Amino acid sequence: MKRTETIWVGGLLLLGGSLLYVGVHIAAVLYMPQIYSWYTPPGRYMTALADSGGSPMFWLSILLIGIGLLLLGARLFEALGRKWRNDANEIRLRGEAFDANRAQSETEAGDRAPD
């Protein structure tokens, strides 16, 4: 995919997953007052989420958010890597130019030195 397409897809997945998570969260929180007993490991929220039927959508929203973040992160790190490679290449070229100028000035200084 092109860079802009990947950014759009990643952003839409992130936005869709976030909206789905908010919807499922609101439904579970509204159902929580009806929960009178729950076990400690899943907790009251996850029990309300399971009882309201929102568990599959909860995990789907987490998956969508994760995929969206991965797509956006991959493009971000690709851009940062490209910039880092360009900077490293520029540093290498400047170092080579400095070494060449230094070698030239040393040979000129050696030619001018009195015997």
Protein backbone atom coordinates (compact mmCIF):
# COMPACT_ATOMS: atom_id res chain seq x y z
CA MET A 1 0.00 0.00 0.00
CA LYS A 2 1.03 3.56 -0.49
CA ARG A 3 2.06 5.60 2.50
CA THR A 4 -1.07 7.76 2.56
CA GLU A 5 -3.34 4.74 2.14
CA THR A 6 -1.68 3.00 5.06
CA ILE A 7 -2.03 6.09 7.22
CA TRP A 8 -5.72 6.40 6.31
CA VAL A 9 -6.41 2.71 6.97
CA GLY A 10 -4.50 2.79 10.25
CA GLY A 11 -6.27 5.94 11.36
CA LEU A 12 -9.70 4.58 10.47
CA LEU A 13 -9.03 1.30 12.26
CA LEU A 14 -7.84 3.18 15.31
CA LEU A 15 -10.86 5.48 15.25
CA GLY A 16 -13.31 2.63 14.64
CA GLY A 17 -11.79 0.53 17.40
CA SER A 18 -11.89 3.45 19.80
CA LEU A 19 -15.54 4.19 19.05
CA LEU A 20 -16.45 0.52 19.40
CA TYR A 21 -14.61 0.36 22.72
CA VAL A 22 -16.42 3.44 24.01
CA GLY A 23 -19.78 1.98 22.98
CA VAL A 24 -19.10 -1.36 24.64
CA HIS A 25 -17.72 0.37 27.72
CA ILE A 26 -20.82 2.54 28.10
CA ALA A 27 -23.08 -0.50 27.74
CA ALA A 28 -21.11 -2.44 30.35
CA VAL A 29 -21.05 0.47 32.79
CA LEU A 30 -24.81 0.94 32.44
CA TYR A 31 -25.25 -2.77 33.19
CA MET A 32 -22.91 -2.75 36.21
CA PRO A 33 -25.54 -1.70 38.81
CA GLN A 34 -27.44 -4.90 38.04
CA ILE A 35 -24.42 -7.06 38.93
CA TYR A 36 -24.64 -8.17 42.56
CA SER A 37 -22.01 -10.88 42.66
CA TRP A 38 -18.75 -11.29 40.82
CA TYR A 39 -15.43 -12.99 41.20
CA THR A 40 -12.27 -11.07 41.89
CA PRO A 41 -10.11 -12.16 38.92
CA PRO A 42 -12.39 -10.87 36.14
CA GLY A 43 -13.87 -8.18 38.37
CA ARG A 44 -17.18 -6.40 38.30
CA TYR A 45 -16.55 -4.63 34.98
CA MET A 46 -15.61 -7.77 33.05
CA THR A 47 -18.54 -9.65 34.60
CA ALA A 48 -20.90 -6.89 33.47
CA LEU A 49 -19.24 -6.93 30.06
CA ALA A 50 -19.72 -10.69 29.72
CA ASP A 51 -23.31 -10.59 30.99
CA SER A 52 -24.27 -7.78 28.64
CA GLY A 53 -22.85 -9.70 25.67
CA GLY A 54 -20.12 -7.20 24.94
CA SER A 55 -17.07 -9.44 25.35
CA PRO A 56 -16.61 -10.25 21.64
CA MET A 57 -16.99 -6.60 20.67
CA PHE A 58 -14.61 -5.58 23.46
CA TRP A 59 -11.88 -7.87 22.15
CA LEU A 60 -12.63 -6.84 18.56
CA SER A 61 -12.20 -3.20 19.54
CA ILE A 62 -8.88 -4.00 21.22
CA LEU A 63 -7.79 -5.85 18.07
CA LEU A 64 -8.80 -2.95 15.80
CA ILE A 65 -6.99 -0.45 18.00
CA GLY A 66 -3.88 -2.64 18.01
CA ILE A 67 -3.84 -3.09 14.22
CA GLY A 68 -4.42 0.62 13.69
CA LEU A 69 -1.57 1.50 16.03
CA LEU A 70 0.72 -1.02 14.34
CA LEU A 71 0.01 0.44 10.90
CA LEU A 72 0.53 4.00 12.07
CA GLY A 73 3.61 3.03 14.07
CA ALA A 74 5.15 1.21 11.12
CA ARG A 75 4.83 4.30 8.95
CA LEU A 76 6.19 6.51 11.70
CA PHE A 77 9.23 4.31 12.27
CA GLU A 78 9.76 4.02 8.53
CA ALA A 79 9.87 7.80 8.23
CA LEU A 80 12.15 8.10 11.25
CA GLY A 81 14.44 5.39 9.88
CA ARG A 82 14.63 7.14 6.52
CA LYS A 83 15.55 10.41 8.25
CA TRP A 84 18.12 8.64 10.41
CA ARG A 85 19.71 6.99 7.36
CA ASN A 86 19.86 10.35 5.57
CA ASP A 87 21.45 12.00 8.60
CA ALA A 88 23.96 9.17 9.00
CA ASN A 89 24.85 9.39 5.31
CA GLU A 90 25.34 13.15 5.58
CA ILE A 91 27.59 12.71 8.62
CA ARG A 92 29.63 10.11 6.74
CA LEU A 93 30.02 12.40 3.70
CA ARG A 94 31.06 15.35 5.86
CA GLY A 95 33.58 13.15 7.67
CA GLU A 96 35.07 12.03 4.37
CA ALA A 97 35.29 15.64 3.16
CA PHE A 98 36.96 16.66 6.43
CA ASP A 99 39.48 13.84 6.15
CA ALA A 100 40.26 14.79 2.54
CA ASN A 101 40.75 18.47 3.47
CA ARG A 102 42.94 17.49 6.41
CA ALA A 103 45.09 15.21 4.28
CA GLN A 104 45.46 17.96 1.67
CA SER A 105 46.42 20.57 4.29
CA GLU A 106 48.96 18.17 5.84
CA THR A 107 50.61 17.53 2.48
CA GLU A 108 50.71 21.28 1.78
CA ALA A 109 52.20 21.91 5.22
CA GLY A 110 54.77 19.19 4.60
CA ASP A 111 55.75 20.76 1.29
CA ARG A 112 56.27 24.16 2.94
CA ALA A 113 58.26 22.87 5.91
CA PRO A 114 61.91 23.99 5.90
CA ASP A 115 64.53 21.27 5.74
